[in-house]
Amino acid sequence: MKTVIQRVKRASVSINNKITAEIKSGLLILIGIEDSDNQEDIEWLTKKITHLRIFDDNEGVMNRSVLECEGDIMVVSQFTLQASVKKGNRPSYIRASKPEIAIPLYETFCKEIEKSVGKKVHTGTFGADMQIELINDGPVTIVIDTKNKE
């Protein structure tokens, strides 16, 4: 699984010019899933993301997690994170999982995040043409790939 985690002041997902999900201060997580991803990846990634100390403490130092500041979380599937650009100029998405594999993993990831933070996780709509609006806070943007755990 590849993720792009952005600390945001706010974020929203729109489909056909209608907002379908929105959050205030917290994390926007873009996630790309490949066939080799599994429950172990989900558990490791959930713990890593929810404990990332990327929110300011009282001294203005990034020392608090989304758990500690009770921030909102939005998860959006993004198969293009699995793009390969090794050959030519047209990205290949051969590593991106098909919906029958990706959807259950995506849904499980969202449920694990919800369990970890103890509140609703807002989501995009898997496979939809979505428009994402956000105000990146910092900016703080972190890329995590479960294939590079060590």
C-alpha atoms as a PDB file:
ATOM      1  CA  MET A   1       0.000   0.000   0.000  1.00  0.00           C
ATOM      2  CA  LYS A   2       1.205   3.440  -0.840  1.00  0.00           C
ATOM      3  CA  THR A   3      -0.177   6.448   0.960  1.00  0.00           C
ATOM      4  CA  VAL A   4       0.169  10.173   0.796  1.00  0.00           C
ATOM      5  CA  ILE A   5      -0.790  11.703   4.144  1.00  0.00           C
ATOM      6  CA  GLN A   6      -1.497  15.408   4.270  1.00  0.00           C
ATOM      7  CA  ARG A   7      -2.104  17.447   7.400  1.00  0.00           C
ATOM      8  CA  VAL A   8      -5.037  19.671   6.493  1.00  0.00           C
ATOM      9  CA  LYS A   9      -7.022  22.556   7.922  1.00  0.00           C
ATOM     10  CA  ARG A  10      -9.961  21.253   5.901  1.00  0.00           C
ATOM     11  CA  ALA A  11     -10.664  18.890   3.001  1.00  0.00           C
ATOM     12  CA  SER A  12     -13.641  17.836   0.922  1.00  0.00           C
ATOM     13  CA  VAL A  13     -14.564  15.360  -1.786  1.00  0.00           C
ATOM     14  CA  SER A  14     -17.018  16.305  -4.520  1.00  0.00           C
ATOM     15  CA  ILE A  15     -18.638  14.117  -7.143  1.00  0.00           C
ATOM     16  CA  ASN A  16     -20.623  15.767  -9.943  1.00  0.00           C
ATOM     17  CA  ASN A  17     -20.189  19.161  -8.227  1.00  0.00           C
ATOM     18  CA  LYS A  18     -21.766  17.905  -4.996  1.00  0.00           C
ATOM     19  CA  ILE A  19     -19.758  17.627  -1.772  1.00  0.00           C
ATOM     20  CA  THR A  20     -20.016  14.023  -0.588  1.00  0.00           C
ATOM     21  CA  ALA A  21     -17.573  14.174   2.331  1.00  0.00           C
ATOM     22  CA  GLU A  22     -15.710  16.853   4.242  1.00  0.00           C
ATOM     23  CA  ILE A  23     -13.512  17.253   7.288  1.00  0.00           C
ATOM     24  CA  LYS A  24     -12.032  20.025   9.347  1.00  0.00           C
ATOM     25  CA  SER A  25      -8.536  19.889  10.855  1.00  0.00           C
ATOM     26  CA  GLY A  26      -6.901  16.482  10.542  1.00  0.00           C
ATOM     27  CA  LEU A  27      -5.506  14.118   7.928  1.00  0.00           C
ATOM     28  CA  LEU A  28      -6.309  13.508   4.280  1.00  0.00           C
ATOM     29  CA  ILE A  29      -5.034  10.052   3.336  1.00  0.00           C
ATOM     30  CA  LEU A  30      -4.711   9.075  -0.318  1.00  0.00           C
ATOM     31  CA  ILE A  31      -4.215   5.309  -0.661  1.00  0.00           C
ATOM     32  CA  GLY A  32      -3.136   3.105  -3.563  1.00  0.00           C
ATOM     33  CA  ILE A  33      -3.525  -0.658  -3.241  1.00  0.00           C
ATOM     34  CA  GLU A  34      -1.713  -3.459  -5.072  1.00  0.00           C
ATOM     35  CA  ASP A  35      -2.457  -7.204  -5.202  1.00  0.00           C
ATOM     36  CA  SER A  36       0.240  -8.185  -2.696  1.00  0.00           C
ATOM     37  CA  ASP A  37      -1.199  -5.944   0.048  1.00  0.00           C
ATOM     38  CA  ASN A  38      -2.791  -7.720   3.008  1.00  0.00           C
ATOM     39  CA  GLN A  39      -4.122  -7.424   6.573  1.00  0.00           C
ATOM     40  CA  GLU A  40      -0.616  -7.117   7.993  1.00  0.00           C
ATOM     41  CA  ASP A  41      -0.020  -4.059   5.792  1.00  0.00           C
ATOM     42  CA  ILE A  42      -3.311  -2.547   6.950  1.00  0.00           C
ATOM     43  CA  GLU A  43      -2.484  -3.033  10.638  1.00  0.00           C
ATOM     44  CA  TRP A  44       1.055  -1.664  10.298  1.00  0.00           C
ATOM     45  CA  LEU A  45      -0.096   1.333   8.248  1.00  0.00           C
ATOM     46  CA  THR A  46      -3.000   2.128  10.582  1.00  0.00           C
ATOM     47  CA  LYS A  47      -0.711   2.201  13.605  1.00  0.00           C
ATOM     48  CA  LYS A  48       1.938   4.237  11.787  1.00  0.00           C
ATOM     49  CA  ILE A  49      -0.513   6.868  10.510  1.00  0.00           C
ATOM     50  CA  THR A  50      -2.548   7.300  13.686  1.00  0.00           C
ATOM     51  CA  HIS A  51       0.606   7.687  15.793  1.00  0.00           C
ATOM     52  CA  LEU A  52       2.540  10.007  13.438  1.00  0.00           C
ATOM     53  CA  ARG A  53       3.537  13.032  15.492  1.00  0.00           C
ATOM     54  CA  ILE A  54       2.875  15.736  12.894  1.00  0.00           C
ATOM     55  CA  PHE A  55       0.573  18.099  14.799  1.00  0.00           C
ATOM     56  CA  ASP A  56       1.901  21.005  16.842  1.00  0.00           C
ATOM     57  CA  ASP A  57       2.070  20.913  20.621  1.00  0.00           C
ATOM     58  CA  ASN A  58       1.768  24.043  22.812  1.00  0.00           C
ATOM     59  CA  GLU A  59       5.323  25.083  21.903  1.00  0.00           C
ATOM     60  CA  GLY A  60       4.658  24.835  18.155  1.00  0.00           C
ATOM     61  CA  VAL A  61       6.684  21.638  17.766  1.00  0.00           C
ATOM     62  CA  MET A  62       5.280  18.728  15.732  1.00  0.00           C
ATOM     63  CA  ASN A  63       4.883  16.414  18.687  1.00  0.00           C
ATOM     64  CA  ARG A  64       1.240  15.290  18.687  1.00  0.00           C
ATOM     65  CA  SER A  65      -0.607  12.615  16.713  1.00  0.00           C
ATOM     66  CA  VAL A  66      -4.051  12.796  15.134  1.00  0.00           C
ATOM     67  CA  LEU A  67      -5.200  10.692  18.101  1.00  0.00           C
ATOM     68  CA  GLU A  68      -3.923  13.240  20.605  1.00  0.00           C
ATOM     69  CA  CYS A  69      -5.447  16.248  18.880  1.00  0.00           C
ATOM     70  CA  GLU A  70      -8.673  14.363  18.013  1.00  0.00           C
ATOM     71  CA  GLY A  71      -8.377  15.400  14.381  1.00  0.00           C
ATOM     72  CA  ASP A  72     -10.685  14.303  11.581  1.00  0.00           C
ATOM     73  CA  ILE A  73      -9.599  11.785   8.954  1.00  0.00           C
ATOM     74  CA  MET A  74     -10.572  11.406   5.306  1.00  0.00           C
ATOM     75  CA  VAL A  75      -9.439   8.416   3.217  1.00  0.00           C
ATOM     76  CA  VAL A  76      -9.586   8.522  -0.584  1.00  0.00           C
ATOM     77  CA  SER A  77      -8.644   5.619  -2.855  1.00  0.00           C
ATOM     78  CA  GLN A  78      -6.202   6.604  -5.583  1.00  0.00           C
ATOM     79  CA  PHE A  79      -4.991   3.837  -7.871  1.00  0.00           C
ATOM     80  CA  THR A  80      -2.637   6.277  -9.630  1.00  0.00           C
ATOM     81  CA  LEU A  81      -0.318   6.082  -6.606  1.00  0.00           C
ATOM     82  CA  GLN A  82       0.667   2.673  -7.999  1.00  0.00           C
ATOM     83  CA  ALA A  83       1.788   4.186 -11.316  1.00  0.00           C
ATOM     84  CA  SER A  84       5.050   3.083 -12.856  1.00  0.00           C
ATOM     85  CA  VAL A  85       6.846   5.614 -15.037  1.00  0.00           C
ATOM     86  CA  LYS A  86       9.966   3.578 -15.785  1.00  0.00           C
ATOM     87  CA  LYS A  87       9.314   3.320 -19.516  1.00  0.00           C
ATOM     88  CA  GLY A  88       8.108   6.133 -21.728  1.00  0.00           C
ATOM     89  CA  ASN A  89       5.857   8.987 -20.678  1.00  0.00           C
ATOM     90  CA  ARG A  90       2.566   7.185 -20.235  1.00  0.00           C
ATOM     91  CA  PRO A  91       2.203   5.801 -16.691  1.00  0.00           C
ATOM     92  CA  SER A  92       1.475   2.107 -16.344  1.00  0.00           C
ATOM     93  CA  TYR A  93      -1.041   1.072 -13.689  1.00  0.00           C
ATOM     94  CA  ILE A  94      -0.392  -2.657 -13.944  1.00  0.00           C
ATOM     95  CA  ARG A  95       0.489  -2.850 -10.203  1.00  0.00           C
ATOM     96  CA  ALA A  96      -2.793  -1.266  -9.105  1.00  0.00           C
ATOM     97  CA  SER A  97      -5.293  -3.831  -7.832  1.00  0.00           C
ATOM     98  CA  LYS A  98      -8.555  -4.463  -9.617  1.00  0.00           C
ATOM     99  CA  PRO A  99     -11.697  -3.477  -7.680  1.00  0.00           C
ATOM    100  CA  GLU A 100     -12.470  -7.026  -6.520  1.00  0.00           C
ATOM    101  CA  ILE A 101      -9.187  -7.037  -4.563  1.00  0.00           C
ATOM    102  CA  ALA A 102      -8.823  -3.337  -3.762  1.00  0.00           C
ATOM    103  CA  ILE A 103     -12.329  -2.568  -2.459  1.00  0.00           C
ATOM    104  CA  PRO A 104     -12.288  -5.052   0.453  1.00  0.00           C
ATOM    105  CA  LEU A 105      -8.777  -3.912   1.445  1.00  0.00           C
ATOM    106  CA  TYR A 106      -9.789  -0.245   1.211  1.00  0.00           C
ATOM    107  CA  GLU A 107     -12.907  -0.831   3.312  1.00  0.00           C
ATOM    108  CA  THR A 108     -10.933  -2.815   5.900  1.00  0.00           C
ATOM    109  CA  PHE A 109      -8.314  -0.061   6.093  1.00  0.00           C
ATOM    110  CA  CYS A 110     -11.022   2.559   6.694  1.00  0.00           C
ATOM    111  CA  LYS A 111     -12.606   0.404   9.429  1.00  0.00           C
ATOM    112  CA  GLU A 112      -9.224  -0.128  11.120  1.00  0.00           C
ATOM    113  CA  ILE A 113      -8.544   3.615  11.116  1.00  0.00           C
ATOM    114  CA  GLU A 114     -12.030   4.214  12.597  1.00  0.00           C
ATOM    115  CA  LYS A 115     -11.378   1.668  15.350  1.00  0.00           C
ATOM    116  CA  SER A 116      -8.012   3.218  16.114  1.00  0.00           C
ATOM    117  CA  VAL A 117      -9.244   6.816  16.385  1.00  0.00           C
ATOM    118  CA  GLY A 118     -12.677   5.996  17.807  1.00  0.00           C
ATOM    119  CA  LYS A 119     -14.603   8.185  15.400  1.00  0.00           C
ATOM    120  CA  LYS A 120     -16.066   8.187  11.898  1.00  0.00           C
ATOM    121  CA  VAL A 121     -13.628   8.244   9.008  1.00  0.00           C
ATOM    122  CA  HIS A 122     -14.880  10.190   6.011  1.00  0.00           C
ATOM    123  CA  THR A 123     -14.222   8.678   2.595  1.00  0.00           C
ATOM    124  CA  GLY A 124     -14.304   9.266  -1.089  1.00  0.00           C
ATOM    125  CA  THR A 125     -16.251   6.914  -3.343  1.00  0.00           C
ATOM    126  CA  PHE A 126     -14.142   4.060  -4.671  1.00  0.00           C
ATOM    127  CA  GLY A 127     -13.722   4.279  -8.454  1.00  0.00           C
ATOM    128  CA  ALA A 128     -15.606   7.571  -8.811  1.00  0.00           C
ATOM    129  CA  ASP A 129     -14.345  10.652 -10.634  1.00  0.00           C
ATOM    130  CA  MET A 130     -13.710  12.789  -7.554  1.00  0.00           C
ATOM    131  CA  GLN A 131     -12.560  16.337  -7.046  1.00  0.00           C
ATOM    132  CA  ILE A 132     -10.582  16.849  -3.847  1.00  0.00           C
ATOM    133  CA  GLU A 133     -10.243  20.272  -2.264  1.00  0.00           C
ATOM    134  CA  LEU A 134      -7.942  20.865   0.661  1.00  0.00           C
ATOM    135  CA  ILE A 135      -6.040  23.427   2.591  1.00  0.00           C
ATOM    136  CA  ASN A 136      -2.726  21.774   3.394  1.00  0.00           C
ATOM    137  CA  ASP A 137      -1.578  22.792   6.868  1.00  0.00           C
ATOM    138  CA  GLY A 138       2.125  23.540   6.992  1.00  0.00           C
ATOM    139  CA  PRO A 139       2.382  22.163   4.368  1.00  0.00           C
ATOM    140  CA  VAL A 140       2.939  18.757   5.891  1.00  0.00           C
ATOM    141  CA  THR A 141       2.893  15.864   3.413  1.00  0.00           C
ATOM    142  CA  ILE A 142       4.231  12.387   4.223  1.00  0.00           C
ATOM    143  CA  VAL A 143       4.547   9.430   1.828  1.00  0.00           C
ATOM    144  CA  ILE A 144       4.429   5.925   3.318  1.00  0.00           C
ATOM    145  CA  ASP A 145       4.815   2.671   1.381  1.00  0.00           C
ATOM    146  CA  THR A 146       4.244  -0.580   3.261  1.00  0.00           C
ATOM    147  CA  LYS A 147       6.818  -2.227   0.981  1.00  0.00           C
ATOM    148  CA  ASN A 148       9.477  -0.048   2.660  1.00  0.00           C
ATOM    149  CA  LYS A 149       8.763  -0.805   6.324  1.00  0.00           C
ATOM    150  CA  GLU A 150      12.397  -1.199   7.267  1.00  0.00           C
END
